Amino acid sequence: MTTPAPEPEREQTASDIVGAALGGAARRAGLDPTESGATHKVVWSAIGGWRGILESVLPSLAFVVLFTIRPEPLILPLGVSVGLAAVFTLVRLVQKSPPSAAIGGLVAAAAAAALALWTGRGEDNFVPGLITNAAYGTAMLVSALIGWSLIGLAVGFLMGEGTAWRGDRRKRRAFFWLGVAWAALFFARLAVQLPLYLAGDVTALGTLKLIMGLPLFAPLIAVTWLIVRALYPRASDAEATAHS
């Protein structure tokens, strides 16, 4: 009797790779629908708690305040902003906590500062953020419109169903509108901030960037979490509902 040959492994498609990457990022951020947790705890985890808030807000806030008080020399507010990002990164490394968020913030702050120093224009410190909003908004909207929502790919990977959600009309519709909602957030930031950048109003631009950051990000995270949990009720939740 011959031993049957093992079936060849299925080659990963582009959607598998994208879904795995997005799902991994979501899991590291604490956005895993397979794990239990209250919505407010999930949102708090996603923004990184108080440390995440400080890492996101303080470098930009320091730049805006110092630039408003004394715009020249430009290297002063830029140096303080990058210095704060570097301190946050160093603290994470010393405490051996995941440094990816802080390192990402440091790289972004350093790149933005380098561009502003090169051009001599304080408003150019916000160019990477404008580009990021345009790129993320476009990716979210296009993926939703063509039926391959990035939200759906991430959730499908986390829930172990891959792209099977595309065969479920209810899930497909939910992921479509979630993708549109996230795209709307990024484009709203761009629509408000780009005119201020073109006008060279650094103080207003920096202030609105902060206002349209975590205060808008957190509620949309909560809505996304609640919708995903409704689409994928846990077995314990289903049993409780059945016996109620």
C-alpha atoms as a PDB file:
ATOM      1  CA  MET A   1       0.000   0.000   0.000  1.00  0.00           C
ATOM      2  CA  THR A   2       1.442   3.329  -1.016  1.00  0.00           C
ATOM      3  CA  THR A   3       1.301   6.365   1.219  1.00  0.00           C
ATOM      4  CA  PRO A   4      -0.699   9.147  -0.392  1.00  0.00           C
ATOM      5  CA  ALA A   5       1.364  12.165  -1.288  1.00  0.00           C
ATOM      6  CA  PRO A   6       0.705  15.205   0.905  1.00  0.00           C
ATOM      7  CA  GLU A   7      -1.431  17.872  -0.687  1.00  0.00           C
ATOM      8  CA  PRO A   8       0.557  20.895  -1.800  1.00  0.00           C
ATOM      9  CA  GLU A   9       0.140  23.952   0.358  1.00  0.00           C
ATOM     10  CA  ARG A  10      -2.159  26.580  -1.069  1.00  0.00           C
ATOM     11  CA  GLU A  11      -0.198  29.511  -2.404  1.00  0.00           C
ATOM     12  CA  GLN A  12      -0.951  32.727  -0.582  1.00  0.00           C
ATOM     13  CA  THR A  13      -2.831  35.316  -2.571  1.00  0.00           C
ATOM     14  CA  ALA A  14      -2.385  39.064  -2.337  1.00  0.00           C
ATOM     15  CA  SER A  15      -5.554  39.307  -0.239  1.00  0.00           C
ATOM     16  CA  ASP A  16      -4.175  36.704   2.192  1.00  0.00           C
ATOM     17  CA  ILE A  17      -0.963  38.680   2.623  1.00  0.00           C
ATOM     18  CA  VAL A  18      -2.754  41.997   3.070  1.00  0.00           C
ATOM     19  CA  GLY A  19      -5.254  40.454   5.471  1.00  0.00           C
ATOM     20  CA  ALA A  20      -2.491  38.862   7.549  1.00  0.00           C
ATOM     21  CA  ALA A  21      -0.585  42.145   7.745  1.00  0.00           C
ATOM     22  CA  LEU A  22      -3.653  44.160   8.716  1.00  0.00           C
ATOM     23  CA  GLY A  23      -4.876  41.506  11.123  1.00  0.00           C
ATOM     24  CA  GLY A  24      -1.498  41.317  12.823  1.00  0.00           C
ATOM     25  CA  ALA A  25      -1.448  45.082  13.267  1.00  0.00           C
ATOM     26  CA  ALA A  26      -4.994  45.016  14.658  1.00  0.00           C
ATOM     27  CA  ARG A  27      -4.116  42.258  17.125  1.00  0.00           C
ATOM     28  CA  ARG A  28      -1.046  44.139  18.359  1.00  0.00           C
ATOM     29  CA  ALA A  29      -3.256  47.183  18.888  1.00  0.00           C
ATOM     30  CA  GLY A  30      -5.640  45.129  21.026  1.00  0.00           C
ATOM     31  CA  LEU A  31      -8.370  44.955  18.375  1.00  0.00           C
ATOM     32  CA  ASP A  32      -8.891  41.201  18.278  1.00  0.00           C
ATOM     33  CA  PRO A  33     -12.623  40.283  18.082  1.00  0.00           C
ATOM     34  CA  THR A  34     -11.839  36.779  19.342  1.00  0.00           C
ATOM     35  CA  GLU A  35     -10.803  38.220  22.697  1.00  0.00           C
ATOM     36  CA  SER A  36     -13.334  39.330  25.273  1.00  0.00           C
ATOM     37  CA  GLY A  37     -13.326  42.880  26.517  1.00  0.00           C
ATOM     38  CA  ALA A  38     -15.574  45.860  27.102  1.00  0.00           C
ATOM     39  CA  THR A  39     -15.706  48.436  24.334  1.00  0.00           C
ATOM     40  CA  HIS A  40     -14.100  51.177  26.404  1.00  0.00           C
ATOM     41  CA  LYS A  41     -11.198  48.851  27.296  1.00  0.00           C
ATOM     42  CA  VAL A  42     -10.706  47.966  23.630  1.00  0.00           C
ATOM     43  CA  VAL A  43     -10.651  51.623  22.610  1.00  0.00           C
ATOM     44  CA  TRP A  44      -8.276  52.455  25.469  1.00  0.00           C
ATOM     45  CA  SER A  45      -5.983  49.647  24.349  1.00  0.00           C
ATOM     46  CA  ALA A  46      -6.146  50.769  20.712  1.00  0.00           C
ATOM     47  CA  ILE A  47      -5.005  54.296  21.524  1.00  0.00           C
ATOM     48  CA  GLY A  48      -2.303  52.955  23.837  1.00  0.00           C
ATOM     49  CA  GLY A  49      -3.659  54.271  27.139  1.00  0.00           C
ATOM     50  CA  TRP A  50      -2.206  57.390  28.711  1.00  0.00           C
ATOM     51  CA  ARG A  51       1.209  56.637  27.242  1.00  0.00           C
ATOM     52  CA  GLY A  52      -0.227  56.387  23.740  1.00  0.00           C
ATOM     53  CA  ILE A  53      -2.072  59.673  24.191  1.00  0.00           C
ATOM     54  CA  LEU A  54       1.068  61.444  25.379  1.00  0.00           C
ATOM     55  CA  GLU A  55       3.143  59.982  22.545  1.00  0.00           C
ATOM     56  CA  SER A  56       0.566  61.106  19.990  1.00  0.00           C
ATOM     57  CA  VAL A  57      -0.175  64.548  21.373  1.00  0.00           C
ATOM     58  CA  LEU A  58       2.860  66.025  23.126  1.00  0.00           C
ATOM     59  CA  PRO A  59       5.340  66.271  20.201  1.00  0.00           C
ATOM     60  CA  SER A  60       2.808  68.064  17.978  1.00  0.00           C
ATOM     61  CA  LEU A  61       1.506  70.184  20.844  1.00  0.00           C
ATOM     62  CA  ALA A  62       5.026  71.284  21.788  1.00  0.00           C
ATOM     63  CA  PHE A  63       5.750  72.270  18.193  1.00  0.00           C
ATOM     64  CA  VAL A  64       2.541  74.303  17.857  1.00  0.00           C
ATOM     65  CA  VAL A  65       2.983  76.130  21.177  1.00  0.00           C
ATOM     66  CA  LEU A  66       6.666  76.952  20.667  1.00  0.00           C
ATOM     67  CA  PHE A  67       6.170  77.963  17.032  1.00  0.00           C
ATOM     68  CA  THR A  68       3.293  80.266  18.017  1.00  0.00           C
ATOM     69  CA  ILE A  69       5.372  81.903  20.754  1.00  0.00           C
ATOM     70  CA  ARG A  70       8.606  82.109  18.770  1.00  0.00           C
ATOM     71  CA  PRO A  71       8.596  80.940  15.135  1.00  0.00           C
ATOM     72  CA  GLU A  72      12.281  81.731  14.665  1.00  0.00           C
ATOM     73  CA  PRO A  73      14.603  79.912  14.783  1.00  0.00           C
ATOM     74  CA  LEU A  74      12.545  77.082  13.315  1.00  0.00           C
ATOM     75  CA  ILE A  75      14.908  74.465  14.670  1.00  0.00           C
ATOM     76  CA  LEU A  76      13.766  75.202  18.250  1.00  0.00           C
ATOM     77  CA  PRO A  77      10.147  73.941  18.011  1.00  0.00           C
ATOM     78  CA  LEU A  78      11.194  71.198  15.627  1.00  0.00           C
ATOM     79  CA  GLY A  79      14.007  70.070  17.906  1.00  0.00           C
ATOM     80  CA  VAL A  80      11.760  69.926  20.960  1.00  0.00           C
ATOM     81  CA  SER A  81       9.122  67.957  19.024  1.00  0.00           C
ATOM     82  CA  VAL A  82      11.615  65.380  17.771  1.00  0.00           C
ATOM     83  CA  GLY A  83      13.316  65.308  21.170  1.00  0.00           C
ATOM     84  CA  LEU A  84      10.069  64.379  22.921  1.00  0.00           C
ATOM     85  CA  ALA A  85       9.442  61.596  20.400  1.00  0.00           C
ATOM     86  CA  ALA A  86      12.982  60.330  21.019  1.00  0.00           C
ATOM     87  CA  VAL A  87      12.430  60.358  24.813  1.00  0.00           C
ATOM     88  CA  PHE A  88       9.240  58.312  24.458  1.00  0.00           C
ATOM     89  CA  THR A  89      11.071  55.795  22.293  1.00  0.00           C
ATOM     90  CA  LEU A  90      13.973  55.562  24.745  1.00  0.00           C
ATOM     91  CA  VAL A  91      11.604  55.007  27.689  1.00  0.00           C
ATOM     92  CA  ARG A  92       9.911  52.140  25.854  1.00  0.00           C
ATOM     93  CA  LEU A  93      13.268  50.559  25.038  1.00  0.00           C
ATOM     94  CA  VAL A  94      14.460  50.859  28.645  1.00  0.00           C
ATOM     95  CA  GLN A  95      11.217  49.377  29.972  1.00  0.00           C
ATOM     96  CA  LYS A  96      11.338  46.665  27.284  1.00  0.00           C
ATOM     97  CA  SER A  97       7.784  47.461  26.185  1.00  0.00           C
ATOM     98  CA  PRO A  98       6.742  47.207  22.507  1.00  0.00           C
ATOM     99  CA  PRO A  99       8.510  50.198  20.912  1.00  0.00           C
ATOM    100  CA  SER A 100       6.894  50.042  17.472  1.00  0.00           C
ATOM    101  CA  ALA A 101       4.409  52.877  18.052  1.00  0.00           C
ATOM    102  CA  ALA A 102       7.009  55.178  19.578  1.00  0.00           C
ATOM    103  CA  ILE A 103       9.580  54.353  16.902  1.00  0.00           C
ATOM    104  CA  GLY A 104       6.989  55.059  14.207  1.00  0.00           C
ATOM    105  CA  GLY A 105       6.232  58.403  15.837  1.00  0.00           C
ATOM    106  CA  LEU A 106       9.925  59.229  16.089  1.00  0.00           C
ATOM    107  CA  VAL A 107      10.594  58.408  12.427  1.00  0.00           C
ATOM    108  CA  ALA A 108       7.556  60.442  11.332  1.00  0.00           C
ATOM    109  CA  ALA A 109       8.540  63.404  13.509  1.00  0.00           C
ATOM    110  CA  ALA A 110      12.139  63.315  12.295  1.00  0.00           C
ATOM    111  CA  ALA A 111      11.114  63.104   8.618  1.00  0.00           C
ATOM    112  CA  ALA A 112       8.640  65.968   9.016  1.00  0.00           C
ATOM    113  CA  ALA A 113      11.196  68.094  10.838  1.00  0.00           C
ATOM    114  CA  ALA A 114      13.845  67.427   8.193  1.00  0.00           C
ATOM    115  CA  LEU A 115      11.447  68.538   5.454  1.00  0.00           C
ATOM    116  CA  ALA A 116      10.500  71.712   7.338  1.00  0.00           C
ATOM    117  CA  LEU A 117      14.152  72.583   7.989  1.00  0.00           C
ATOM    118  CA  TRP A 118      15.017  71.974   4.343  1.00  0.00           C
ATOM    119  CA  THR A 119      12.271  74.272   3.044  1.00  0.00           C
ATOM    120  CA  GLY A 120      12.404  76.728   5.946  1.00  0.00           C
ATOM    121  CA  ARG A 121       8.592  76.614   6.242  1.00  0.00           C
ATOM    122  CA  GLY A 122       6.989  75.590   9.523  1.00  0.00           C
ATOM    123  CA  GLU A 123       3.834  74.344   7.811  1.00  0.00           C
ATOM    124  CA  ASP A 124       5.875  71.701   5.965  1.00  0.00           C
ATOM    125  CA  ASN A 125       6.180  69.881   9.292  1.00  0.00           C
ATOM    126  CA  PHE A 126       2.619  68.695   8.593  1.00  0.00           C
ATOM    127  CA  VAL A 127       3.163  67.457   5.026  1.00  0.00           C
ATOM    128  CA  PRO A 128       3.715  63.772   5.981  1.00  0.00           C
ATOM    129  CA  GLY A 129       0.427  63.824   7.898  1.00  0.00           C
ATOM    130  CA  LEU A 130      -1.433  65.247   4.917  1.00  0.00           C
ATOM    131  CA  ILE A 131       0.052  62.601   2.630  1.00  0.00           C
ATOM    132  CA  THR A 132      -0.820  59.864   5.132  1.00  0.00           C
ATOM    133  CA  ASN A 133      -4.452  60.984   5.343  1.00  0.00           C
ATOM    134  CA  ALA A 134      -4.722  61.100   1.555  1.00  0.00           C
ATOM    135  CA  ALA A 135      -3.158  57.642   1.172  1.00  0.00           C
ATOM    136  CA  TYR A 136      -5.186  55.969   3.928  1.00  0.00           C
ATOM    137  CA  GLY A 137      -8.425  57.588   2.806  1.00  0.00           C
ATOM    138  CA  THR A 138      -7.891  56.522  -0.790  1.00  0.00           C
ATOM    139  CA  ALA A 139      -6.948  52.968   0.188  1.00  0.00           C
ATOM    140  CA  MET A 140      -9.993  52.608   2.448  1.00  0.00           C
ATOM    141  CA  LEU A 141     -12.410  54.026  -0.113  1.00  0.00           C
ATOM    142  CA  VAL A 142     -11.088  52.184  -3.161  1.00  0.00           C
ATOM    143  CA  SER A 143     -10.890  48.844  -1.347  1.00  0.00           C
ATOM    144  CA  ALA A 144     -14.491  49.259  -0.150  1.00  0.00           C
ATOM    145  CA  LEU A 145     -15.773  50.230  -3.594  1.00  0.00           C
ATOM    146  CA  ILE A 146     -14.195  47.223  -5.321  1.00  0.00           C
ATOM    147  CA  GLY A 147     -15.553  44.817  -2.699  1.00  0.00           C
ATOM    148  CA  TRP A 148     -12.273  44.077  -0.924  1.00  0.00           C
ATOM    149  CA  SER A 149     -12.634  46.272   2.154  1.00  0.00           C
ATOM    150  CA  LEU A 150      -9.407  46.518   4.142  1.00  0.00           C
ATOM    151  CA  ILE A 151     -11.511  46.287   7.292  1.00  0.00           C
ATOM    152  CA  GLY A 152     -12.986  43.029   6.018  1.00  0.00           C
ATOM    153  CA  LEU A 153      -9.578  41.607   5.137  1.00  0.00           C
ATOM    154  CA  ALA A 154      -8.245  42.357   8.617  1.00  0.00           C
ATOM    155  CA  VAL A 155     -11.296  40.940  10.393  1.00  0.00           C
ATOM    156  CA  GLY A 156     -11.416  37.895   8.125  1.00  0.00           C
ATOM    157  CA  PHE A 157      -7.828  37.057   9.023  1.00  0.00           C
ATOM    158  CA  LEU A 158      -8.440  37.558  12.751  1.00  0.00           C
ATOM    159  CA  MET A 159     -11.578  35.406  12.718  1.00  0.00           C
ATOM    160  CA  GLY A 160      -9.922  32.642  10.702  1.00  0.00           C
ATOM    161  CA  GLU A 161     -12.308  32.858   7.745  1.00  0.00           C
ATOM    162  CA  GLY A 162      -9.999  34.539   5.248  1.00  0.00           C
ATOM    163  CA  THR A 163     -12.074  36.126   2.515  1.00  0.00           C
ATOM    164  CA  ALA A 164     -15.183  33.995   3.100  1.00  0.00           C
ATOM    165  CA  TRP A 165     -16.941  37.104   4.430  1.00  0.00           C
ATOM    166  CA  ARG A 166     -17.307  38.259   0.832  1.00  0.00           C
ATOM    167  CA  GLY A 167     -19.931  35.555   0.349  1.00  0.00           C
ATOM    168  CA  ASP A 168     -22.027  36.915   3.211  1.00  0.00           C
ATOM    169  CA  ARG A 169     -24.121  39.859   2.073  1.00  0.00           C
ATOM    170  CA  ARG A 170     -24.570  41.203   5.603  1.00  0.00           C
ATOM    171  CA  LYS A 171     -20.844  41.213   6.363  1.00  0.00           C
ATOM    172  CA  ARG A 172     -19.931  42.559   2.947  1.00  0.00           C
ATOM    173  CA  ARG A 173     -22.321  45.493   3.403  1.00  0.00           C
ATOM    174  CA  ALA A 174     -21.067  46.197   6.933  1.00  0.00           C
ATOM    175  CA  PHE A 175     -17.418  46.186   5.871  1.00  0.00           C
ATOM    176  CA  PHE A 176     -18.260  48.405   2.903  1.00  0.00           C
ATOM    177  CA  TRP A 177     -19.774  51.098   5.125  1.00  0.00           C
ATOM    178  CA  LEU A 178     -17.016  50.785   7.704  1.00  0.00           C
ATOM    179  CA  GLY A 179     -14.480  51.339   4.941  1.00  0.00           C
ATOM    180  CA  VAL A 180     -16.418  54.394   3.748  1.00  0.00           C
ATOM    181  CA  ALA A 181     -16.607  55.740   7.312  1.00  0.00           C
ATOM    182  CA  TRP A 182     -12.846  55.431   7.814  1.00  0.00           C
ATOM    183  CA  ALA A 183     -12.206  56.992   4.413  1.00  0.00           C
ATOM    184  CA  ALA A 184     -14.512  59.880   5.365  1.00  0.00           C
ATOM    185  CA  LEU A 185     -12.463  60.475   8.524  1.00  0.00           C
ATOM    186  CA  PHE A 186      -9.185  60.695   6.632  1.00  0.00           C
ATOM    187  CA  PHE A 187     -10.636  62.866   3.870  1.00  0.00           C
ATOM    188  CA  ALA A 188     -12.307  65.168   6.415  1.00  0.00           C
ATOM    189  CA  ARG A 189      -8.923  65.756   8.020  1.00  0.00           C
ATOM    190  CA  LEU A 190      -7.446  66.479   4.620  1.00  0.00           C
ATOM    191  CA  ALA A 191     -10.280  68.826   3.621  1.00  0.00           C
ATOM    192  CA  VAL A 192      -9.895  70.898   6.784  1.00  0.00           C
ATOM    193  CA  GLN A 193      -6.119  70.888   7.098  1.00  0.00           C
ATOM    194  CA  LEU A 194      -5.002  71.299   3.481  1.00  0.00           C
ATOM    195  CA  PRO A 195      -6.425  74.854   3.073  1.00  0.00           C
ATOM    196  CA  LEU A 196      -4.685  75.876   6.305  1.00  0.00           C
ATOM    197  CA  TYR A 197      -1.432  74.398   5.023  1.00  0.00           C
ATOM    198  CA  LEU A 198      -1.750  76.316   1.770  1.00  0.00           C
ATOM    199  CA  ALA A 199      -2.511  79.487   3.751  1.00  0.00           C
ATOM    200  CA  GLY A 200       0.573  78.911   5.919  1.00  0.00           C
ATOM    201  CA  ASP A 201      -1.432  79.104   9.160  1.00  0.00           C
ATOM    202  CA  VAL A 202       0.743  76.829  11.291  1.00  0.00           C
ATOM    203  CA  THR A 203      -1.007  77.460  14.619  1.00  0.00           C
ATOM    204  CA  ALA A 204      -4.502  76.701  13.305  1.00  0.00           C
ATOM    205  CA  LEU A 205      -3.218  73.734  11.300  1.00  0.00           C
ATOM    206  CA  GLY A 206      -1.487  72.177  14.292  1.00  0.00           C
ATOM    207  CA  THR A 207      -4.426  72.821  16.599  1.00  0.00           C
ATOM    208  CA  LEU A 208      -6.954  71.250  14.237  1.00  0.00           C
ATOM    209  CA  LYS A 209      -4.649  68.314  13.625  1.00  0.00           C
ATOM    210  CA  LEU A 210      -4.762  67.562  17.341  1.00  0.00           C
ATOM    211  CA  ILE A 211      -8.533  68.085  17.555  1.00  0.00           C
ATOM    212  CA  MET A 212      -9.163  65.806  14.572  1.00  0.00           C
ATOM    213  CA  GLY A 213      -6.772  63.148  15.838  1.00  0.00           C
ATOM    214  CA  LEU A 214      -7.633  60.968  18.829  1.00  0.00           C
ATOM    215  CA  PRO A 215     -11.002  62.699  19.551  1.00  0.00           C
ATOM    216  CA  LEU A 216     -12.294  61.407  16.189  1.00  0.00           C
ATOM    217  CA  PHE A 217     -10.242  58.222  16.029  1.00  0.00           C
ATOM    218  CA  ALA A 218     -11.474  56.775  19.336  1.00  0.00           C
ATOM    219  CA  PRO A 219     -15.247  56.917  18.606  1.00  0.00           C
ATOM    220  CA  LEU A 220     -14.761  55.335  15.187  1.00  0.00           C
ATOM    221  CA  ILE A 221     -12.713  52.545  16.751  1.00  0.00           C
ATOM    222  CA  ALA A 222     -15.597  51.932  19.156  1.00  0.00           C
ATOM    223  CA  VAL A 223     -18.181  51.833  16.355  1.00  0.00           C
ATOM    224  CA  THR A 224     -16.010  49.472  14.305  1.00  0.00           C
ATOM    225  CA  TRP A 225     -15.513  47.164  17.301  1.00  0.00           C
ATOM    226  CA  LEU A 226     -19.230  47.035  18.096  1.00  0.00           C
ATOM    227  CA  ILE A 227     -20.190  46.250  14.497  1.00  0.00           C
ATOM    228  CA  VAL A 228     -17.571  43.501  14.178  1.00  0.00           C
ATOM    229  CA  ARG A 229     -18.647  41.912  17.460  1.00  0.00           C
ATOM    230  CA  ALA A 230     -22.261  41.966  16.240  1.00  0.00           C
ATOM    231  CA  LEU A 231     -21.218  40.224  13.026  1.00  0.00           C
ATOM    232  CA  TYR A 232     -19.179  37.589  14.889  1.00  0.00           C
ATOM    233  CA  PRO A 233     -20.943  36.803  18.175  1.00  0.00           C
ATOM    234  CA  ARG A 234     -18.943  34.501  20.425  1.00  0.00           C
ATOM    235  CA  ALA A 235     -20.340  31.070  21.270  1.00  0.00           C
ATOM    236  CA  SER A 236     -20.860  32.107  24.897  1.00  0.00           C
ATOM    237  CA  ASP A 237     -22.780  35.182  23.772  1.00  0.00           C
ATOM    238  CA  ALA A 238     -24.983  33.091  21.467  1.00  0.00           C
ATOM    239  CA  GLU A 239     -25.724  30.600  24.257  1.00  0.00           C
ATOM    240  CA  ALA A 240     -26.612  33.396  26.666  1.00  0.00           C
ATOM    241  CA  THR A 241     -28.945  34.898  24.101  1.00  0.00           C
ATOM    242  CA  ALA A 242     -30.584  31.525  23.438  1.00  0.00           C
ATOM    243  CA  HIS A 243     -31.264  30.941  27.168  1.00  0.00           C
ATOM    244  CA  SER A 244     -32.480  34.442  27.889  1.00  0.00           C
END
